[in-house]
Amino acid sequence: MTGPTLAGASLNGLCPRCGARTLFAGVVRFSDRCRNCQLDFKSSDASGGPEVFLILIVGTIVAGGAIMLDLRYSPLWWVHLVWIPVAAGLTIAGLRVGKAALFYQSYRHKAGEGRIAK
């Protein structure tokens, strides 16, 4: 098996074929293709998979943290505004990792449309 590991590709936005840091063109937007090996990234369709799990995970962290903070310290209401950047940061970081991991796995396992055997 050549190329990067799942953890390396997911955390660093690496191309699953050659390992170049070319997967993302923006914060969470895929490039069209790898500038190094020309692998087509447009074929990836995450279909909302990472987002669904991310909503549940980030929601649990933020809601749990807000409840624990309120029960333990009873701060003024505006102190809870800290959860807005925390949620945004966790969401952006999680989207990058989730989308990269899903693309890596679909490339490694040659995922494609289902076909009925005849």
Protein backbone atom coordinates (compact mmCIF):
# COMPACT_ATOMS: atom_id res chain seq x y z
CA MET A 1 0.00 0.00 0.00
CA THR A 2 1.47 3.31 -1.05
CA GLY A 3 0.48 6.83 -0.10
CA PRO A 4 -0.37 8.28 3.28
CA THR A 5 -2.20 6.65 6.17
CA LEU A 6 -5.81 7.48 7.00
CA ALA A 7 -4.78 9.63 9.97
CA GLY A 8 -2.12 11.49 8.01
CA ALA A 9 -4.37 12.12 5.03
CA SER A 10 -7.31 13.19 7.19
CA LEU A 11 -5.45 15.50 9.55
CA ASN A 12 -3.22 17.13 6.93
CA GLY A 13 -5.46 17.19 3.83
CA LEU A 14 -3.19 14.88 1.82
CA CYS A 15 -3.93 13.33 -1.54
CA PRO A 16 -4.70 9.64 -0.91
CA ARG A 17 -2.68 8.56 -3.95
CA CYS A 18 0.59 10.52 -3.70
CA GLY A 19 0.48 12.14 -0.24
CA ALA A 20 0.84 15.74 -1.48
CA ARG A 21 -0.91 18.42 0.56
CA THR A 22 -3.35 19.29 -2.24
CA LEU A 23 -6.76 17.99 -1.15
CA PHE A 24 -8.29 21.32 -0.13
CA ALA A 25 -8.54 24.53 -2.15
CA GLY A 26 -10.23 26.45 0.67
CA VAL A 27 -11.04 25.95 4.30
CA VAL A 28 -13.40 23.01 3.67
CA ARG A 29 -13.65 22.98 -0.15
CA PHE A 30 -11.94 20.25 -2.18
CA SER A 31 -9.56 21.12 -4.99
CA ASP A 32 -10.58 19.97 -8.46
CA ARG A 33 -7.58 17.66 -8.75
CA CYS A 34 -4.21 16.93 -7.19
CA ARG A 35 -1.56 19.28 -8.55
CA ASN A 36 1.06 16.54 -8.09
CA CYS A 37 -0.47 13.29 -9.46
CA GLN A 38 -3.61 14.67 -11.20
CA LEU A 39 -6.05 12.52 -9.17
CA ASP A 40 -9.59 13.83 -9.77
CA PHE A 41 -11.09 15.07 -6.49
CA LYS A 42 -14.39 16.08 -8.12
CA SER A 43 -15.51 12.46 -8.04
CA SER A 44 -15.88 12.67 -4.27
CA ASP A 45 -19.45 13.10 -3.10
CA ALA A 46 -19.57 13.15 0.70
CA SER A 47 -23.40 13.42 0.55
CA GLY A 48 -23.63 14.97 3.98
CA GLY A 49 -22.12 11.98 5.77
CA PRO A 50 -19.50 13.84 7.79
CA GLU A 51 -21.87 16.71 8.53
CA VAL A 52 -24.48 14.52 10.22
CA PHE A 53 -22.01 12.99 12.65
CA LEU A 54 -20.35 16.34 13.18
CA ILE A 55 -23.63 17.98 14.20
CA LEU A 56 -24.16 15.30 16.83
CA ILE A 57 -20.59 15.41 18.14
CA VAL A 58 -20.17 19.20 18.24
CA GLY A 59 -23.70 19.65 19.59
CA THR A 60 -22.96 17.24 22.43
CA ILE A 61 -19.67 18.94 23.29
CA VAL A 62 -21.10 22.45 23.22
CA ALA A 63 -24.37 21.66 25.00
CA GLY A 64 -22.60 19.54 27.62
CA GLY A 65 -19.97 22.19 28.17
CA ALA A 66 -22.55 24.95 28.48
CA ILE A 67 -24.63 22.95 30.97
CA MET A 68 -21.57 22.03 33.05
CA LEU A 69 -20.34 25.63 33.06
CA ASP A 70 -23.73 26.93 34.10
CA LEU A 71 -24.25 24.36 36.86
CA ARG A 72 -20.77 24.74 38.30
CA TYR A 73 -20.21 28.52 38.14
CA SER A 74 -23.60 30.13 37.34
CA PRO A 75 -21.98 32.83 35.19
CA LEU A 76 -23.71 35.82 33.65
CA TRP A 77 -25.57 34.99 30.45
CA TRP A 78 -23.03 36.68 28.17
CA VAL A 79 -20.26 34.31 29.32
CA HIS A 80 -22.01 31.62 27.29
CA LEU A 81 -21.19 33.56 24.12
CA VAL A 82 -17.83 31.78 24.26
CA TRP A 83 -19.59 28.71 22.84
CA ILE A 84 -20.14 30.43 19.47
CA PRO A 85 -16.44 30.46 18.44
CA VAL A 86 -15.90 27.07 20.08
CA ALA A 87 -18.71 25.56 18.00
CA ALA A 88 -17.47 27.27 14.83
CA GLY A 89 -13.90 26.08 15.34
CA LEU A 90 -14.91 22.52 16.12
CA THR A 91 -17.22 22.47 13.09
CA ILE A 92 -14.61 23.73 10.63
CA ALA A 93 -11.88 21.44 11.97
CA GLY A 94 -14.25 18.50 12.06
CA LEU A 95 -15.47 19.10 8.51
CA ARG A 96 -11.93 19.11 7.15
CA VAL A 97 -11.01 15.90 8.93
CA GLY A 98 -14.34 14.17 8.18
CA LYS A 99 -14.41 15.04 4.49
CA ALA A 100 -10.77 14.09 4.03
CA ALA A 101 -11.28 10.77 5.83
CA LEU A 102 -14.35 9.92 3.77
CA PHE A 103 -12.58 10.75 0.51
CA TYR A 104 -9.54 8.72 1.57
CA GLN A 105 -11.66 5.68 2.39
CA SER A 106 -13.68 5.93 -0.83
CA TYR A 107 -10.45 6.13 -2.85
CA ARG A 108 -8.72 3.27 -1.02
CA HIS A 109 -11.73 0.94 -1.27
CA LYS A 110 -12.57 1.99 -4.85
CA ALA A 111 -16.08 3.04 -3.87
CA GLY A 112 -18.47 3.70 -6.69
CA GLU A 113 -22.05 3.38 -7.74
CA GLY A 114 -23.69 0.09 -6.99
CA ARG A 115 -24.17 -2.30 -9.86
CA ILE A 116 -26.43 -5.32 -10.09
CA ALA A 117 -24.52 -8.45 -11.10
CA LYS A 118 -26.01 -10.28 -14.07
